[in-house]
C-alpha atoms as a PDB file:
ATOM      1  CA  MET A   1    -145.403  39.001  50.716  1.00  0.00           C
ATOM      2  CA  LYS A   2    -142.013  37.139  50.828  1.00  0.00           C
ATOM      3  CA  ALA A   3    -140.708  39.656  48.047  1.00  0.00           C
ATOM      4  CA  LEU A   4    -141.863  42.614  50.382  1.00  0.00           C
ATOM      5  CA  LYS A   5    -139.900  41.006  53.438  1.00  0.00           C
ATOM      6  CA  ILE A   6    -136.760  40.646  51.081  1.00  0.00           C
ATOM      7  CA  LEU A   7    -137.294  44.234  49.884  1.00  0.00           C
ATOM      8  CA  LEU A   8    -137.578  45.573  53.554  1.00  0.00           C
ATOM      9  CA  VAL A   9    -134.586  43.642  55.024  1.00  0.00           C
ATOM     10  CA  SER A  10    -132.441  44.686  51.962  1.00  0.00           C
ATOM     11  CA  LEU A  11    -133.522  48.369  52.731  1.00  0.00           C
ATOM     12  CA  ILE A  12    -132.599  48.193  56.369  1.00  0.00           C
ATOM     13  CA  LEU A  13    -129.087  46.246  55.597  1.00  0.00           C
ATOM     14  CA  LEU A  14    -128.406  48.932  52.802  1.00  0.00           C
ATOM     15  CA  ASN A  15    -129.417  51.933  55.407  1.00  0.00           C
ATOM     16  CA  PHE A  16    -126.957  50.349  58.147  1.00  0.00           C
ATOM     17  CA  THR A  17    -124.225  49.836  55.673  1.00  0.00           C
ATOM     18  CA  SER A  18    -124.598  53.470  54.033  1.00  0.00           C
ATOM     19  CA  CYS A  19    -124.639  55.173  57.423  1.00  0.00           C
ATOM     20  CA  LYS A  20    -121.062  54.659  58.475  1.00  0.00           C
ATOM     21  CA  ASP A  21    -119.470  57.545  60.031  1.00  0.00           C
ATOM     22  CA  ASP A  22    -116.768  57.741  57.407  1.00  0.00           C
ATOM     23  CA  LYS A  23    -114.709  60.796  56.831  1.00  0.00           C
ATOM     24  CA  PRO A  24    -114.990  61.942  53.252  1.00  0.00           C
ATOM     25  CA  VAL A  25    -112.394  60.727  50.888  1.00  0.00           C
ATOM     26  CA  GLU A  26    -110.219  63.643  49.982  1.00  0.00           C
ATOM     27  CA  GLU A  27    -108.548  63.623  46.648  1.00  0.00           C
ATOM     28  CA  SER A  28    -104.752  63.478  47.117  1.00  0.00           C
ATOM     29  CA  THR A  29    -103.002  65.277  44.268  1.00  0.00           C
ATOM     30  CA  PRO A  30     -99.636  65.323  44.846  1.00  0.00           C
ATOM     31  CA  LYS A  31     -98.258  69.034  45.521  1.00  0.00           C
ATOM     32  CA  GLU A  32     -95.590  69.849  42.956  1.00  0.00           C
ATOM     33  CA  SER A  33     -92.452  71.203  44.531  1.00  0.00           C
ATOM     34  CA  VAL A  34     -91.336  74.810  44.038  1.00  0.00           C
ATOM     35  CA  ILE A  35     -87.619  75.115  43.251  1.00  0.00           C
ATOM     36  CA  SER A  36     -85.686  78.344  43.239  1.00  0.00           C
ATOM     37  CA  THR A  37     -82.191  78.374  42.502  1.00  0.00           C
ATOM     38  CA  TYR A  38     -79.784  81.308  43.235  1.00  0.00           C
ATOM     39  CA  TYR A  39     -76.308  81.678  41.839  1.00  0.00           C
ATOM     40  CA  PHE A  40     -74.106  83.990  43.749  1.00  0.00           C
ATOM     41  CA  ILE A  41     -70.762  85.010  42.476  1.00  0.00           C
ATOM     42  CA  ARG A  42     -68.045  88.185  43.140  1.00  0.00           C
ATOM     43  CA  HIS A  43     -67.019  90.369  40.649  1.00  0.00           C
ATOM     44  CA  GLY A  44     -64.058  89.499  38.542  1.00  0.00           C
ATOM     45  CA  GLU A  45     -60.453  90.802  39.032  1.00  0.00           C
ATOM     46  CA  LYS A  46     -60.411  94.443  39.553  1.00  0.00           C
ATOM     47  CA  ASP A  47     -57.898  96.862  38.264  1.00  0.00           C
ATOM     48  CA  ARG A  48     -55.903  97.621  41.424  1.00  0.00           C
ATOM     49  CA  SER A  49     -53.559 100.216  39.789  1.00  0.00           C
ATOM     50  CA  ASN A  50     -54.981 103.222  41.500  1.00  0.00           C
ATOM     51  CA  PRO A  51     -55.769 102.257  45.286  1.00  0.00           C
ATOM     52  CA  ASP A  52     -57.795 105.339  45.832  1.00  0.00           C
ATOM     53  CA  ASN A  53     -60.180 104.350  43.010  1.00  0.00           C
ATOM     54  CA  ARG A  54     -63.524 102.961  44.869  1.00  0.00           C
ATOM     55  CA  ASP A  55     -65.036 101.899  41.728  1.00  0.00           C
ATOM     56  CA  PRO A  56     -62.367 100.275  39.347  1.00  0.00           C
ATOM     57  CA  GLU A  57     -63.306  98.402  36.389  1.00  0.00           C
ATOM     58  CA  LEU A  58     -62.214  94.882  35.681  1.00  0.00           C
ATOM     59  CA  ASN A  59     -58.630  94.175  34.596  1.00  0.00           C
ATOM     60  CA  GLN A  60     -57.869  91.604  31.626  1.00  0.00           C
ATOM     61  CA  ASP A  61     -58.177  88.988  33.899  1.00  0.00           C
ATOM     62  CA  GLY A  62     -61.507  90.097  35.176  1.00  0.00           C
ATOM     63  CA  LEU A  63     -62.647  90.409  31.753  1.00  0.00           C
ATOM     64  CA  GLY A  64     -61.754  86.850  30.809  1.00  0.00           C
ATOM     65  CA  ARG A  65     -63.246  85.700  33.943  1.00  0.00           C
ATOM     66  CA  ALA A  66     -66.650  87.593  33.158  1.00  0.00           C
ATOM     67  CA  ILE A  67     -66.502  85.714  29.867  1.00  0.00           C
ATOM     68  CA  ARG A  68     -66.029  82.342  31.669  1.00  0.00           C
ATOM     69  CA  TRP A  69     -68.851  83.004  33.926  1.00  0.00           C
ATOM     70  CA  GLU A  70     -71.215  83.562  30.858  1.00  0.00           C
ATOM     71  CA  ARG A  71     -70.084  80.046  29.740  1.00  0.00           C
ATOM     72  CA  VAL A  72     -70.635  78.624  32.943  1.00  0.00           C
ATOM     73  CA  PHE A  73     -74.338  79.981  32.984  1.00  0.00           C
ATOM     74  CA  SER A  74     -74.733  79.471  29.203  1.00  0.00           C
ATOM     75  CA  GLU A  75     -76.698  76.061  29.983  1.00  0.00           C
ATOM     76  CA  ILE A  76     -78.812  77.449  32.814  1.00  0.00           C
ATOM     77  CA  ASP A  77     -82.158  79.096  32.242  1.00  0.00           C
ATOM     78  CA  LEU A  78     -81.628  82.379  33.944  1.00  0.00           C
ATOM     79  CA  ASN A  79     -84.511  84.435  34.870  1.00  0.00           C
ATOM     80  CA  THR A  80     -83.060  87.649  36.396  1.00  0.00           C
ATOM     81  CA  ILE A  81     -79.550  89.110  36.932  1.00  0.00           C
ATOM     82  CA  TYR A  82     -78.748  91.288  39.788  1.00  0.00           C
ATOM     83  CA  SER A  83     -75.599  93.359  40.189  1.00  0.00           C
ATOM     84  CA  THR A  84     -74.588  96.057  42.777  1.00  0.00           C
ATOM     85  CA  ASP A  85     -73.976  99.463  41.088  1.00  0.00           C
ATOM     86  CA  TYR A  86     -70.306  99.060  40.715  1.00  0.00           C
ATOM     87  CA  GLU A  87     -68.359  99.049  37.381  1.00  0.00           C
ATOM     88  CA  ARG A  88     -66.635  95.725  38.207  1.00  0.00           C
ATOM     89  CA  THR A  89     -69.921  93.962  39.181  1.00  0.00           C
ATOM     90  CA  MET A  90     -71.775  95.346  36.212  1.00  0.00           C
ATOM     91  CA  MET A  91     -68.940  94.291  33.803  1.00  0.00           C
ATOM     92  CA  THR A  92     -68.950  90.892  35.547  1.00  0.00           C
ATOM     93  CA  ALA A  93     -72.616  90.408  34.889  1.00  0.00           C
ATOM     94  CA  ALA A  94     -72.610  91.856  31.358  1.00  0.00           C
ATOM     95  CA  PRO A  95     -71.460  88.912  29.194  1.00  0.00           C
ATOM     96  CA  THR A  96     -74.245  86.650  30.656  1.00  0.00           C
ATOM     97  CA  ALA A  97     -77.015  89.439  30.398  1.00  0.00           C
ATOM     98  CA  VAL A  98     -76.096  89.992  26.859  1.00  0.00           C
ATOM     99  CA  SER A  99     -76.006  86.518  25.833  1.00  0.00           C
ATOM    100  CA  ARG A 100     -79.526  86.041  27.516  1.00  0.00           C
ATOM    101  CA  GLU A 101     -80.810  89.457  26.508  1.00  0.00           C
ATOM    102  CA  LEU A 102     -81.606  90.076  30.170  1.00  0.00           C
ATOM    103  CA  SER A 103     -81.150  93.621  31.847  1.00  0.00           C
ATOM    104  CA  ILE A 104     -79.299  93.775  35.065  1.00  0.00           C
ATOM    105  CA  GLN A 105     -81.313  94.793  37.938  1.00  0.00           C
ATOM    106  CA  ASN A 106     -79.373  96.764  40.483  1.00  0.00           C
ATOM    107  CA  TYR A 107     -79.512  95.857  44.359  1.00  0.00           C
ATOM    108  CA  ASP A 108     -78.336  97.359  47.492  1.00  0.00           C
ATOM    109  CA  PRO A 109     -77.001  94.512  49.691  1.00  0.00           C
ATOM    110  CA  ALA A 110     -77.334  96.820  52.793  1.00  0.00           C
ATOM    111  CA  THR A 111     -80.964  97.377  52.142  1.00  0.00           C
ATOM    112  CA  ILE A 112     -82.416  94.413  50.460  1.00  0.00           C
ATOM    113  CA  ASN A 113     -85.051  92.593  51.973  1.00  0.00           C
ATOM    114  CA  VAL A 114     -84.116  88.760  51.628  1.00  0.00           C
ATOM    115  CA  ASP A 115     -87.731  87.539  52.377  1.00  0.00           C
ATOM    116  CA  ASP A 116     -89.409  89.590  49.660  1.00  0.00           C
ATOM    117  CA  PHE A 117     -86.609  88.911  47.314  1.00  0.00           C
ATOM    118  CA  LYS A 118     -87.328  84.961  47.968  1.00  0.00           C
ATOM    119  CA  ILE A 119     -91.016  85.618  47.456  1.00  0.00           C
ATOM    120  CA  ILE A 120     -90.491  87.597  44.122  1.00  0.00           C
ATOM    121  CA  HIS A 121     -88.270  85.152  42.589  1.00  0.00           C
ATOM    122  CA  GLU A 122     -89.843  81.930  43.844  1.00  0.00           C
ATOM    123  CA  GLY A 123     -89.484  79.069  41.151  1.00  0.00           C
ATOM    124  CA  GLU A 124     -86.920  81.080  39.317  1.00  0.00           C
ATOM    125  CA  ASN A 125     -82.981  80.719  38.420  1.00  0.00           C
ATOM    126  CA  VAL A 126     -81.464  84.136  39.639  1.00  0.00           C
ATOM    127  CA  LEU A 127     -77.917  85.175  39.311  1.00  0.00           C
ATOM    128  CA  VAL A 128     -76.569  87.627  41.801  1.00  0.00           C
ATOM    129  CA  VAL A 129     -73.189  89.422  41.357  1.00  0.00           C
ATOM    130  CA  GLY A 130     -71.595  91.118  44.311  1.00  0.00           C
ATOM    131  CA  HIS A 131     -68.380  91.440  46.571  1.00  0.00           C
ATOM    132  CA  SER A 132     -66.247  89.579  48.797  1.00  0.00           C
ATOM    133  CA  ASN A 133     -68.246  90.600  51.814  1.00  0.00           C
ATOM    134  CA  THR A 134     -71.543  91.052  50.425  1.00  0.00           C
ATOM    135  CA  THR A 135     -71.814  87.744  48.564  1.00  0.00           C
ATOM    136  CA  PRO A 136     -71.354  85.172  51.509  1.00  0.00           C
ATOM    137  CA  ASP A 137     -73.474  87.595  53.781  1.00  0.00           C
ATOM    138  CA  PHE A 138     -76.384  87.476  51.089  1.00  0.00           C
ATOM    139  CA  VAL A 139     -76.007  83.740  50.922  1.00  0.00           C
ATOM    140  CA  ASN A 140     -76.241  83.478  54.651  1.00  0.00           C
ATOM    141  CA  LYS A 141     -79.350  85.475  54.825  1.00  0.00           C
ATOM    142  CA  MET A 142     -80.890  83.238  52.264  1.00  0.00           C
ATOM    143  CA  LEU A 143     -79.869  80.074  54.316  1.00  0.00           C
ATOM    144  CA  GLY A 144     -81.043  81.923  57.694  1.00  0.00           C
ATOM    145  CA  GLU A 145     -77.656  80.925  59.293  1.00  0.00           C
ATOM    146  CA  GLU A 146     -74.089  82.046  59.112  1.00  0.00           C
ATOM    147  CA  LYS A 147     -72.565  79.323  57.221  1.00  0.00           C
ATOM    148  CA  TYR A 148     -70.059  81.244  55.192  1.00  0.00           C
ATOM    149  CA  PRO A 149     -67.325  83.847  56.210  1.00  0.00           C
ATOM    150  CA  ALA A 150     -66.382  86.812  53.922  1.00  0.00           C
ATOM    151  CA  MET A 151     -64.320  86.153  50.972  1.00  0.00           C
ATOM    152  CA  ASP A 152     -60.753  86.664  50.484  1.00  0.00           C
ATOM    153  CA  ASP A 153     -59.887  89.778  48.678  1.00  0.00           C
ATOM    154  CA  TYR A 154     -58.306  87.867  45.878  1.00  0.00           C
ATOM    155  CA  ASP A 155     -61.185  85.129  45.497  1.00  0.00           C
ATOM    156  CA  ASN A 156     -62.966  85.976  42.377  1.00  0.00           C
ATOM    157  CA  SER A 157     -63.809  82.242  41.436  1.00  0.00           C
ATOM    158  CA  SER A 158     -66.303  81.083  44.052  1.00  0.00           C
ATOM    159  CA  LEU A 159     -69.701  80.099  43.224  1.00  0.00           C
ATOM    160  CA  PHE A 160     -72.248  79.867  45.750  1.00  0.00           C
ATOM    161  CA  ILE A 161     -75.469  77.920  44.731  1.00  0.00           C
ATOM    162  CA  VAL A 162     -78.640  78.241  47.037  1.00  0.00           C
ATOM    163  CA  ARG A 163     -81.507  76.064  46.199  1.00  0.00           C
ATOM    164  CA  ILE A 164     -84.788  76.366  47.957  1.00  0.00           C
ATOM    165  CA  ILE A 165     -87.117  73.500  47.853  1.00  0.00           C
ATOM    166  CA  ASP A 166     -90.546  74.168  49.329  1.00  0.00           C
ATOM    167  CA  ASP A 167     -89.056  76.845  51.876  1.00  0.00           C
ATOM    168  CA  LYS A 168     -86.175  74.394  52.808  1.00  0.00           C
ATOM    169  CA  ALA A 169     -82.756  76.198  51.721  1.00  0.00           C
ATOM    170  CA  THR A 170     -79.349  74.479  51.011  1.00  0.00           C
ATOM    171  CA  ALA A 171     -76.250  75.679  49.694  1.00  0.00           C
ATOM    172  CA  ILE A 172     -73.057  74.752  48.202  1.00  0.00           C
ATOM    173  CA  ARG A 173     -69.843  76.653  47.395  1.00  0.00           C
ATOM    174  CA  LEU A 174     -67.745  75.710  44.312  1.00  0.00           C
ATOM    175  CA  LYS A 175     -64.383  76.918  43.082  1.00  0.00           C
ATOM    176  CA  MET A 176     -64.414  77.787  39.298  1.00  0.00           C
ATOM    177  CA  ASP A 177     -60.920  78.422  38.520  1.00  0.00           C
END
């Protein structure tokens, strides 16, 4: 009889302690951050010998700069390279594309949808080659703010790096002379 009372009391206590109104324990697995990095440069020095030529190639200095850009990006695991459809931008992107065995994707800065661009390249490293006005404009759109003005027409050495971590964008501008 005593054993039966102990069993009943134990069951009642067990019932009270197991009926707590606790919220279920959620497993908290740390979410990995998604990091996307975009490198924006302007084309190398262009041939200015014919002012009427709207699509000049690079001059010797510009070709040298394109090769130096390839060296700068040689240690970066690039996924994609974009360039506007101009001789000078394509020539600037070419050494890096060749060394990485990547094809150059053309883009139109006037029509590119920045939100789609971010989604397509989430978690990637992307090089974008543009112009003195389109490069800072594209960077500003990536940031969602007007941070950088148009570049000087002789500035061929600026490197803008936009990093997006979990939808938060930051940028830095470096000079690579």
